[in-house]
């Protein structure tokens, strides 16, 4: 009776933990966006101050923003979300933070020579970096199907290896299971943070493809090392 009660308590605790995680997810995402934007802004401002960039003042962040928009048109022109819903990341950006981009472009922020020197360069750079951060987040959202595809393949491979171990009498490894399970979220969150805070233009494929591969590897090992009898 005590064992049954403990099992119920464990299931209830797991359900509560999952619910708390889901409730905290939007707040966690917003905090990651804000922190990565701050980190990227600090790097950009230091680059302007110490002359790390080839382009003066706000021009470097403006060039980054335009190159990222080009990556949107080329790299994510065809993806699963667009194929199903018809919604493109370019449309999502234009109908959200794109309004802010067009507003500053309309008032001449990107063409005003005053924003290549002095305090104006720092203000313009911060605006561009925040726009760039949110745009990169939209890119990540449209890259989620890549994780699902890799994860599904890894799950199938892991289940096959688990069944083979179960039939062959292979040994279980609780340490490997825990390590693999705890590596899934960091393989995604670390890649996302690096992409959001990256101080220069970068093709998202170079970030999310290795991240999806590492995530899938963790899923495969987690499934394969799951206990043989439940």
Protein backbone atom coordinates (compact mmCIF):
# COMPACT_ATOMS: atom_id res chain seq x y z
CA UNK A 1 0.00 0.00 0.00
CA UNK A 2 2.82 2.34 0.87
CA UNK A 3 4.55 1.59 -2.43
CA UNK A 4 1.37 2.40 -4.35
CA UNK A 5 0.98 5.68 -2.48
CA UNK A 6 4.59 6.60 -3.23
CA UNK A 7 4.01 5.86 -6.92
CA UNK A 8 0.96 8.12 -6.96
CA UNK A 9 2.89 10.87 -5.23
CA UNK A 10 5.73 10.58 -7.76
CA UNK A 11 3.28 10.80 -10.69
CA UNK A 12 1.56 13.79 -9.11
CA UNK A 13 4.90 15.49 -8.54
CA UNK A 14 5.94 14.86 -12.15
CA UNK A 15 2.65 16.27 -13.43
CA UNK A 16 3.02 19.37 -11.24
CA UNK A 17 6.60 19.81 -12.41
CA UNK A 18 5.54 19.57 -16.07
CA UNK A 19 2.69 22.05 -15.51
CA UNK A 20 5.02 24.52 -13.77
CA UNK A 21 7.50 24.19 -16.62
CA UNK A 22 4.81 24.94 -19.22
CA UNK A 23 3.53 27.91 -17.23
CA UNK A 24 7.02 29.35 -16.85
CA UNK A 25 7.94 28.77 -20.50
CA UNK A 26 6.66 32.13 -21.88
CA UNK A 27 8.43 34.02 -19.08
CA UNK A 28 11.62 32.03 -19.68
CA UNK A 29 11.52 32.80 -23.41
CA UNK A 30 11.01 36.52 -22.81
CA UNK A 31 13.86 36.59 -20.29
CA UNK A 32 16.15 34.82 -22.76
CA UNK A 33 15.22 37.31 -25.48
CA UNK A 34 15.86 40.25 -23.18
CA UNK A 35 19.16 38.95 -21.80
CA UNK A 36 20.50 37.97 -25.21
CA UNK A 37 19.51 41.38 -26.61
CA UNK A 38 21.34 43.08 -23.74
CA UNK A 39 24.47 40.94 -24.23
CA UNK A 40 24.45 41.51 -27.99
CA UNK A 41 23.90 45.26 -27.49
CA UNK A 42 26.83 45.50 -25.09
CA UNK A 43 29.10 43.70 -27.57
CA UNK A 44 27.91 45.97 -30.39
CA UNK A 45 28.48 49.13 -28.34
CA UNK A 46 31.95 47.97 -27.33
CA UNK A 47 32.69 47.27 -30.99
CA UNK A 48 31.67 50.81 -31.92
CA UNK A 49 33.68 52.34 -29.08
CA UNK A 50 36.87 50.36 -29.72
CA UNK A 51 36.52 50.30 -33.51
CA UNK A 52 36.12 46.55 -33.92
CA UNK A 53 33.78 46.85 -36.92
CA UNK A 54 34.70 47.89 -40.42
CA UNK A 55 31.52 49.97 -40.77
CA UNK A 56 31.30 53.12 -38.59
CA UNK A 57 28.60 53.74 -36.02
CA UNK A 58 25.19 52.29 -36.69
CA UNK A 59 26.17 50.98 -40.13
CA UNK A 60 27.49 47.67 -38.77
CA UNK A 61 24.25 46.75 -36.99
CA UNK A 62 22.26 47.96 -40.00
CA UNK A 63 24.29 45.68 -42.28
CA UNK A 64 23.71 42.77 -39.89
CA UNK A 65 19.97 43.42 -39.97
CA UNK A 66 19.83 43.51 -43.76
CA UNK A 67 21.95 40.36 -44.10
CA UNK A 68 19.70 38.52 -41.65
CA UNK A 69 16.68 39.54 -43.70
CA UNK A 70 18.40 38.08 -46.73
CA UNK A 71 18.97 34.82 -44.84
CA UNK A 72 15.22 34.76 -44.16
CA UNK A 73 14.40 35.01 -47.84
CA UNK A 74 16.93 32.39 -48.96
CA UNK A 75 17.33 29.84 -46.15
CA UNK A 76 13.75 29.77 -44.87
CA UNK A 77 11.94 30.35 -48.14
CA UNK A 78 10.58 26.79 -47.97
CA UNK A 79 9.94 25.11 -44.64
CA UNK A 80 7.34 22.92 -42.97
CA UNK A 81 5.45 25.75 -41.23
CA UNK A 82 5.19 27.75 -44.45
CA UNK A 83 4.10 24.65 -46.40
CA UNK A 84 1.30 23.90 -43.92
CA UNK A 85 0.06 27.36 -42.95
CA UNK A 86 1.36 29.56 -45.75
CA UNK A 87 2.86 31.87 -43.11
CA UNK A 88 6.45 32.93 -43.74
CA UNK A 89 8.92 34.25 -41.20
CA UNK A 90 9.26 37.39 -43.34
CA UNK A 91 5.50 38.00 -43.03
CA UNK A 92 5.60 37.34 -39.29
CA UNK A 93 8.43 39.82 -38.87
CA UNK A 94 6.79 42.46 -41.08
CA UNK A 95 3.53 42.25 -39.14
CA UNK A 96 5.18 42.52 -35.70
CA UNK A 97 8.51 44.17 -34.94
CA UNK A 98 8.81 45.06 -38.61
CA UNK A 99 6.58 48.05 -37.88
CA UNK A 100 9.27 49.38 -35.56
CA UNK A 101 11.91 48.79 -38.24
CA UNK A 102 9.88 50.69 -40.85
CA UNK A 103 9.20 53.51 -38.38
CA UNK A 104 12.88 54.15 -37.70
CA UNK A 105 13.63 53.76 -41.39
CA UNK A 106 10.91 56.32 -42.16
CA UNK A 107 12.34 58.91 -39.76
CA UNK A 108 15.75 58.44 -41.37
CA UNK A 109 17.54 56.60 -38.59
CA UNK A 110 19.45 54.41 -41.05
CA UNK A 111 20.36 57.21 -43.44
CA UNK A 112 21.07 60.07 -41.06
CA UNK A 113 24.82 60.83 -40.94
CA UNK A 114 24.42 61.89 -37.31
CA UNK A 115 24.00 58.22 -36.43
CA UNK A 116 27.48 57.29 -37.57
CA UNK A 117 29.19 59.23 -34.78
CA UNK A 118 28.50 60.28 -31.22
CA UNK A 119 25.62 59.17 -29.02
CA UNK A 120 23.36 58.70 -32.03
CA UNK A 121 25.45 55.76 -33.21
CA UNK A 122 24.91 53.97 -29.90
CA UNK A 123 21.17 54.63 -29.89
CA UNK A 124 20.75 53.42 -33.46
CA UNK A 125 22.85 50.33 -32.77
CA UNK A 126 20.74 49.37 -29.75
CA UNK A 127 17.54 49.72 -31.79
CA UNK A 128 18.96 47.55 -34.56
CA UNK A 129 20.19 44.88 -32.15
CA UNK A 130 16.80 44.56 -30.46
CA UNK A 131 15.11 44.24 -33.85
CA UNK A 132 17.71 41.69 -34.88
CA UNK A 133 17.16 39.65 -31.70
CA UNK A 134 13.42 39.35 -32.24
CA UNK A 135 13.90 38.55 -35.91
CA UNK A 136 16.34 35.76 -35.01
CA UNK A 137 13.80 34.39 -32.56
CA UNK A 138 11.27 34.12 -35.38
CA UNK A 139 13.90 32.22 -37.35
CA UNK A 140 14.22 29.79 -34.44
CA UNK A 141 10.45 29.29 -34.34
CA UNK A 142 10.46 28.35 -38.00
CA UNK A 143 13.38 25.98 -37.35
CA UNK A 144 11.44 23.93 -34.77
CA UNK A 145 10.27 21.34 -37.38
CA UNK A 146 13.94 20.47 -37.89
CA UNK A 147 14.13 19.42 -34.24
CA UNK A 148 10.96 17.37 -34.55
CA UNK A 149 12.27 15.51 -37.61
CA UNK A 150 15.63 14.77 -36.01
CA UNK A 151 13.95 13.88 -32.73
CA UNK A 152 11.51 11.47 -34.37
CA UNK A 153 14.31 9.62 -36.16
CA UNK A 154 16.33 9.50 -32.93
CA UNK A 155 13.32 8.16 -31.02
CA UNK A 156 12.86 5.32 -33.51
CA UNK A 157 16.55 4.45 -33.38
CA UNK A 158 16.54 4.56 -29.58
CA UNK A 159 13.48 2.32 -29.30
CA UNK A 160 15.08 -0.19 -31.65
CA UNK A 161 18.27 -0.24 -29.58
CA UNK A 162 16.25 -0.57 -26.37
CA UNK A 163 14.31 -3.57 -27.71
CA UNK A 164 17.53 -5.17 -28.89
CA UNK A 165 19.07 -4.68 -25.47
CA UNK A 166 15.94 -6.04 -23.83
CA UNK A 167 15.97 -9.22 -25.92
CA UNK A 168 19.71 -9.72 -25.64
CA UNK A 169 19.83 -9.17 -21.89
CA UNK A 170 22.01 -6.07 -22.10
CA UNK A 171 22.83 -4.04 -19.00
CA UNK A 172 20.94 -0.89 -18.06
CA UNK A 173 22.64 2.41 -17.39
CA UNK A 174 20.73 4.84 -15.22
CA UNK A 175 23.61 7.32 -15.39
CA UNK A 176 23.53 7.39 -19.19
CA UNK A 177 19.77 7.83 -19.15
CA UNK A 178 19.90 10.76 -16.72
CA UNK A 179 22.80 12.39 -18.57
CA UNK A 180 21.06 12.07 -21.93
CA UNK A 181 17.72 13.35 -20.62
CA UNK A 182 19.37 16.34 -18.95
CA UNK A 183 21.24 17.18 -22.17
CA UNK A 184 18.16 17.65 -24.36
CA UNK A 185 17.09 21.12 -23.24
CA UNK A 186 20.64 22.55 -23.01
CA UNK A 187 21.36 21.38 -26.56
CA UNK A 188 18.51 23.65 -27.69
CA UNK A 189 18.67 26.54 -25.24
CA UNK A 190 22.44 27.08 -25.52
CA UNK A 191 22.25 27.12 -29.32
CA UNK A 192 19.32 29.55 -29.19
CA UNK A 193 21.14 31.90 -26.83
CA UNK A 194 24.30 31.81 -28.96
CA UNK A 195 22.29 32.57 -32.08
CA UNK A 196 20.38 35.43 -30.48
CA UNK A 197 23.49 37.03 -29.01
CA UNK A 198 25.88 36.37 -31.90
CA UNK A 199 27.73 39.66 -32.60
CA UNK A 200 27.73 39.31 -36.39
CA UNK A 201 25.55 37.98 -39.18
CA UNK A 202 25.46 34.19 -39.34
CA UNK A 203 23.49 31.68 -41.35
CA UNK A 204 21.04 29.98 -38.94
CA UNK A 205 21.80 26.60 -40.52
CA UNK A 206 25.28 26.72 -38.94
CA UNK A 207 23.69 26.99 -35.49
CA UNK A 208 20.49 24.96 -35.56
CA UNK A 209 21.61 21.99 -37.63
CA UNK A 210 24.38 20.95 -35.16
CA UNK A 211 22.01 21.77 -32.29
CA UNK A 212 19.28 19.52 -33.72
CA UNK A 213 21.83 16.76 -34.25
CA UNK A 214 23.04 16.97 -30.64
CA UNK A 215 19.46 17.04 -29.38
CA UNK A 216 18.59 13.98 -31.47
CA UNK A 217 21.68 12.16 -30.20
CA UNK A 218 20.61 12.81 -26.62
CA UNK A 219 17.08 11.56 -27.38
CA UNK A 220 18.44 8.41 -29.01
CA UNK A 221 20.68 7.58 -26.05
CA UNK A 222 17.92 8.43 -23.56
CA UNK A 223 15.44 6.13 -25.29
CA UNK A 224 17.97 3.35 -25.77
CA UNK A 225 19.05 3.42 -22.11
CA UNK A 226 15.52 3.57 -20.69
CA UNK A 227 14.82 0.71 -18.29
CA UNK A 228 13.96 -2.57 -20.00
CA UNK A 229 10.86 -3.34 -17.94
CA UNK A 230 8.13 -0.91 -16.92
